[in-house]
Protein backbone atom coordinates (compact mmCIF):
# COMPACT_ATOMS: atom_id res chain seq x y z
CA MET A 1 97.71 67.27 81.98
CA LYS A 2 101.14 68.05 83.41
CA ARG A 3 103.79 65.43 82.75
CA THR A 4 106.03 64.09 85.48
CA THR A 5 109.70 64.90 84.89
CA ALA A 6 112.99 64.55 86.71
CA ALA A 7 112.42 68.09 87.96
CA THR A 8 109.00 67.06 89.33
CA LEU A 9 110.62 64.29 91.36
CA ALA A 10 113.37 66.59 92.65
CA LYS A 11 110.75 69.13 93.75
CA ALA A 12 108.77 66.42 95.52
CA LYS A 13 111.88 65.44 97.50
CA ALA A 14 112.51 69.06 98.45
CA ASN A 15 108.90 69.35 99.65
CA HIS A 16 109.05 66.01 101.51
CA GLU A 17 106.31 64.59 99.28
CA LYS A 18 106.40 60.85 98.62
CA THR A 19 106.16 59.65 95.02
CA VAL A 20 105.06 56.27 93.70
CA TRP A 21 106.94 54.09 91.22
CA LEU A 22 105.63 50.82 89.79
CA THR A 23 106.97 48.43 87.19
CA ALA A 24 105.05 47.99 83.95
CA CYS A 25 105.82 45.92 80.88
CA ASP A 26 102.96 46.53 78.43
CA THR A 27 100.36 49.08 77.38
CA THR A 28 97.59 47.80 79.63
CA SER A 29 99.71 47.82 82.78
CA ALA A 30 100.87 51.36 81.96
CA GLN A 31 97.29 52.59 81.48
CA LEU A 32 96.06 50.99 84.70
CA ALA A 33 99.00 52.24 86.75
CA GLU A 34 98.53 55.79 85.52
CA ALA A 35 94.78 55.63 86.20
CA ALA A 36 95.67 54.68 89.78
CA GLY A 37 97.94 57.71 90.17
CA VAL A 38 101.41 56.17 89.79
CA ASP A 39 104.06 58.84 89.15
CA VAL A 40 106.80 56.76 87.52
CA LEU A 41 106.57 53.66 85.34
CA LEU A 42 109.70 51.55 85.56
CA VAL A 43 110.19 49.01 82.80
CA GLY A 44 112.44 46.78 84.84
CA ASP A 45 114.46 43.88 83.55
CA SER A 46 112.51 41.89 86.15
CA LEU A 47 110.12 41.40 83.23
CA GLY A 48 112.49 38.65 82.17
CA MET A 49 111.38 36.65 85.19
CA VAL A 50 107.72 37.71 85.60
CA ALA A 51 106.77 37.96 81.91
CA LEU A 52 109.30 36.00 79.86
CA GLY A 53 109.90 32.99 82.08
CA PHE A 54 113.65 33.36 82.65
CA ASP A 55 115.14 32.29 86.00
CA SER A 56 117.05 35.58 86.39
CA THR A 57 117.42 38.94 84.66
CA ILE A 58 120.66 37.89 82.95
CA PRO A 59 119.09 36.60 79.67
CA VAL A 60 117.16 39.84 79.07
CA THR A 61 118.40 41.69 75.97
CA LEU A 62 118.34 45.29 74.87
CA GLU A 63 115.80 44.30 72.20
CA HIS A 64 113.50 42.87 74.90
CA MET A 65 113.71 46.10 76.89
CA ILE A 66 113.08 48.35 73.92
CA HIS A 67 110.09 46.24 72.83
CA HIS A 68 108.41 46.36 76.24
CA THR A 69 109.33 49.97 77.00
CA ALA A 70 107.83 51.14 73.71
CA ALA A 71 104.58 49.37 74.64
CA VAL A 72 104.56 51.12 78.03
CA VAL A 73 105.22 54.49 76.40
CA ARG A 74 102.27 53.94 74.05
CA GLY A 75 100.05 53.36 77.08
CA HIS A 76 101.15 56.31 79.18
CA SER A 77 100.15 59.95 79.12
CA LYS A 78 101.95 61.77 81.94
CA ALA A 79 104.06 59.39 84.05
CA TRP A 80 107.85 59.47 83.84
CA VAL A 81 108.98 56.29 82.06
CA VAL A 82 112.29 54.66 82.97
CA CYS A 83 113.88 51.71 81.14
CA ASP A 84 116.41 49.32 82.68
CA LEU A 85 119.56 48.81 80.69
CA PRO A 86 119.95 45.02 80.71
CA PHE A 87 123.01 43.01 81.66
CA GLY A 88 125.86 43.36 79.18
CA SER A 89 124.49 46.47 77.47
CA TYR A 90 126.46 49.09 79.44
CA GLN A 91 129.21 47.55 81.59
CA GLN A 92 131.89 47.35 78.89
CA SER A 93 132.47 51.09 78.55
CA PRO A 94 130.76 54.48 78.81
CA GLU A 95 130.59 54.50 75.03
CA GLN A 96 128.72 51.20 74.99
CA ALA A 97 126.33 52.55 77.63
CA PHE A 98 125.76 55.67 75.54
CA ALA A 99 124.98 53.65 72.41
CA SER A 100 122.55 51.45 74.33
CA SER A 101 120.88 54.46 75.95
CA VAL A 102 120.47 56.23 72.62
CA ALA A 103 118.85 53.12 71.15
CA VAL A 104 116.44 52.89 74.08
CA LEU A 105 115.50 56.56 74.05
CA GLN A 106 115.11 56.82 70.28
CA GLN A 107 113.29 53.54 69.71
CA SER A 108 111.01 53.50 72.76
CA GLY A 109 110.39 57.17 73.50
CA CYS A 110 111.01 56.78 77.25
CA ASP A 111 112.42 59.46 79.54
CA ALA A 112 115.36 57.86 81.35
CA VAL A 113 117.51 54.78 81.66
CA LYS A 114 118.47 52.88 84.80
CA LEU A 115 121.68 51.01 85.40
CA GLU A 116 123.08 48.98 88.29
CA GLY A 117 126.29 49.74 90.14
CA GLY A 118 127.85 52.38 92.36
CA VAL A 119 131.47 53.54 92.40
CA PRO A 120 132.50 51.38 89.40
CA MET A 121 129.70 52.88 87.27
CA ALA A 122 130.16 56.52 88.31
CA GLU A 123 132.30 57.32 85.26
CA THR A 124 129.62 55.86 82.98
CA ILE A 125 126.85 57.80 84.71
CA ARG A 126 128.85 61.01 84.34
CA PHE A 127 129.51 60.27 80.66
CA LEU A 128 125.78 59.78 79.99
CA SER A 129 124.67 62.71 82.12
CA GLU A 130 127.07 65.10 80.41
CA ARG A 131 125.50 64.08 77.11
CA GLY A 132 121.96 64.87 78.17
CA ILE A 133 120.74 61.44 79.26
CA ALA A 134 118.74 61.12 82.48
CA VAL A 135 120.19 58.24 84.49
CA VAL A 136 118.66 56.46 87.45
CA ALA A 137 121.29 54.64 89.49
CA HIS A 138 120.65 51.37 91.36
CA ILE A 139 122.71 50.21 94.33
CA GLY A 140 122.43 47.75 97.21
CA LEU A 141 121.14 44.43 95.93
CA THR A 142 121.87 44.47 92.19
CA PRO A 143 120.07 41.50 90.58
CA GLN A 144 122.26 41.53 87.47
CA SER A 145 125.17 40.54 89.73
CA VAL A 146 123.43 37.45 91.15
CA LYS A 147 125.98 35.13 89.50
CA LYS A 148 128.75 36.93 91.39
CA PHE A 149 127.07 36.99 94.80
CA GLY A 150 125.21 33.70 94.48
CA SER A 151 121.96 34.90 96.04
CA TYR A 152 119.44 37.71 96.34
CA ARG A 153 120.25 38.34 100.01
CA ALA A 154 120.06 41.81 101.51
CA ARG A 155 123.16 43.98 101.20
CA GLY A 156 124.69 46.41 103.67
CA THR A 157 124.21 44.12 106.66
CA ASN A 158 127.89 44.15 107.67
CA PRO A 159 130.19 47.14 108.22
CA ALA A 160 132.19 46.71 105.02
CA GLU A 161 129.08 46.53 102.81
CA TYR A 162 127.44 49.36 104.74
CA ASP A 163 130.38 51.69 104.09
CA ALA A 164 130.66 50.58 100.45
CA ILE A 165 126.99 51.35 99.78
CA LEU A 166 127.36 54.80 101.36
CA ALA A 167 130.30 55.42 99.03
CA ASP A 168 128.26 54.14 96.08
CA ALA A 169 125.44 56.56 96.85
CA GLN A 170 127.79 59.53 97.04
CA ALA A 171 129.60 58.54 93.85
CA VAL A 172 126.53 58.14 91.64
CA THR A 173 125.01 61.35 93.00
CA GLU A 174 128.16 63.33 92.26
CA ALA A 175 128.31 61.72 88.80
CA GLY A 176 124.93 63.20 87.87
CA ALA A 177 122.31 60.51 88.47
CA VAL A 178 118.83 62.05 88.74
CA ALA A 179 117.41 59.38 91.08
CA LEU A 180 118.73 56.45 93.08
CA VAL A 181 117.13 53.04 93.62
CA LEU A 182 118.06 51.41 96.93
CA GLU A 183 117.26 47.70 96.93
CA CYS A 184 117.24 45.37 99.93
CA ILE A 185 119.40 47.37 102.32
CA PRO A 186 118.78 48.14 106.01
CA ALA A 187 116.20 50.84 106.63
CA GLY A 188 118.65 52.88 108.68
CA LEU A 189 121.19 52.89 105.86
CA ALA A 190 118.53 53.88 103.34
CA GLN A 191 117.43 56.73 105.62
CA THR A 192 121.02 57.93 106.00
CA ILE A 193 121.48 57.94 102.23
CA THR A 194 118.15 59.69 101.65
CA ASN A 195 119.12 62.44 104.09
CA SER A 196 122.59 62.87 102.62
CA VAL A 197 121.98 63.00 98.85
CA ALA A 198 120.23 65.72 96.89
CA ILE A 199 118.52 63.35 94.46
CA PRO A 200 115.34 61.34 95.15
CA THR A 201 115.81 57.86 96.56
CA VAL A 202 113.55 54.99 95.57
CA GLY A 203 113.22 52.13 98.01
CA ILE A 204 112.46 48.50 97.33
CA GLY A 205 112.90 46.45 100.47
CA ALA A 206 114.76 49.40 102.02
CA GLY A 207 112.29 50.69 104.59
CA GLY A 208 109.99 53.67 104.63
CA GLY A 209 112.55 56.45 104.83
CA CYS A 210 113.12 56.74 101.08
CA ASP A 211 111.61 59.54 99.01
CA SER A 212 109.77 57.04 96.80
CA GLN A 213 108.81 53.39 96.78
CA VAL A 214 108.77 50.93 93.89
CA LEU A 215 107.43 47.40 93.62
CA VAL A 216 106.94 44.89 90.85
CA TRP A 217 103.49 45.00 89.24
CA HIS A 218 102.97 41.26 89.61
CA ASP A 219 103.80 41.34 93.33
CA VAL A 220 101.40 44.19 94.15
CA LEU A 221 98.52 42.49 92.35
CA GLY A 222 99.08 38.98 93.68
CA LEU A 223 100.09 37.55 90.32
CA SER A 224 103.44 36.19 91.49
CA LEU A 225 103.79 32.61 92.70
CA LYS A 226 105.68 33.91 95.74
CA ASN A 227 106.21 37.48 96.89
CA PRO A 228 109.33 38.84 98.59
CA SER A 229 108.81 39.54 102.28
CA PHE A 230 108.86 43.31 101.66
CA ALA A 231 106.21 43.20 98.91
CA PRO A 232 102.72 42.36 100.17
CA ALA A 233 100.04 41.57 97.60
CA TYR A 234 97.18 44.07 97.70
CA CYS A 235 94.82 41.62 96.02
CA ASN A 236 94.92 38.06 94.66
CA LEU A 237 94.51 38.45 90.92
CA ARG A 238 96.17 35.10 90.28
CA GLU A 239 93.29 33.33 92.03
CA GLN A 240 90.63 35.61 90.54
CA ILE A 241 91.92 35.16 87.01
CA THR A 242 92.13 31.39 87.38
CA THR A 243 88.58 31.27 88.76
CA ALA A 244 87.25 33.38 85.89
CA ILE A 245 88.92 31.24 83.22
CA GLU A 246 87.71 28.05 84.92
CA ALA A 247 84.15 29.39 84.92
CA TRP A 248 84.31 30.35 81.24
CA SER A 249 85.89 26.99 80.32
CA ALA A 250 83.09 25.16 82.12
CA ASP A 251 80.49 27.18 80.22
CA VAL A 252 82.18 26.38 76.91
CA ARG A 253 82.24 22.66 77.65
CA SER A 254 78.63 22.62 78.84
CA GLY A 255 77.37 24.67 75.90
CA ALA A 256 76.30 27.58 78.12
CA PHE A 257 78.74 29.85 76.24
CA PRO A 258 78.03 31.45 73.85
CA LYS A 259 74.39 32.09 74.62
C-alpha cells in the first residue's frame, strides 16, 4: 500500500487530479475516512469546537492537538496526516514554532503541521521548511484570528483584502509551504491563486477551482447542529444516532434488552 506524501499531492496538482482532505480527531474517524478513499487526514483545531465543546479554536492547546493527532495516526495506514498548530504555539517566533512542530511530529507521528497566516508568517514557514518540516499554510479566513476580526465572515471580498490575500499566497509559497489552505474567499480569487502557485491549494468555502477540498468530519456526516453554507451534509448521522440510542434505551426500560 503506497503512502500519500507531499510529493504525491504535488504530482496530483501537476496532473490536474483532485485530492480529498477531511478532518479527523480519533482512530475511528481516521479508519473510516481512509476506507472511503480520503487522501489527507487533517487534525484541525476545529476539534476544539466539534469535539471538546469550546466556542472557538482559541482554547485549544498543543497537548490537545498532540493527543488527538496521535490517535488519528494510530488509525491510519496510508493517508498523509496533518496537524494544526494551535493558537499561541507558533506566533511568538520561528523558534517557538519549531519547538512546537518538533513536539507534534515526535509525539504524534504525523507528517506535517499547519499554521495560519500569510506574509507575517512567511519567515516562520521558511525557518521550519529549511529545517525539514513540511508546512501547510492557511490564508483567507483564519479562525484563530476571530477575536481580531470579530466574525467568521468571508475574506477577500473587497479590493484591499483581495490584494492582501494574493500577496499572502505568494509569500507562503516562496517561503517553502508544501500546500495552501484557502478558507472562505471568493471562488475567482481561489482560482487565480491556484493557477499562480506551484503548490497544491486546498479549498474550504473557496469554490471548486482549488486542487483539493477539505471539510470538517462532523459537517459531512450531519453531526453538526448547523452546517456552514458551503458544507452540505451527505447524511444525517445526528438523527440516526439519536434514533438508535432512543430505541436501545426503550428496550432497556421495557426489559426487552438484553434478551
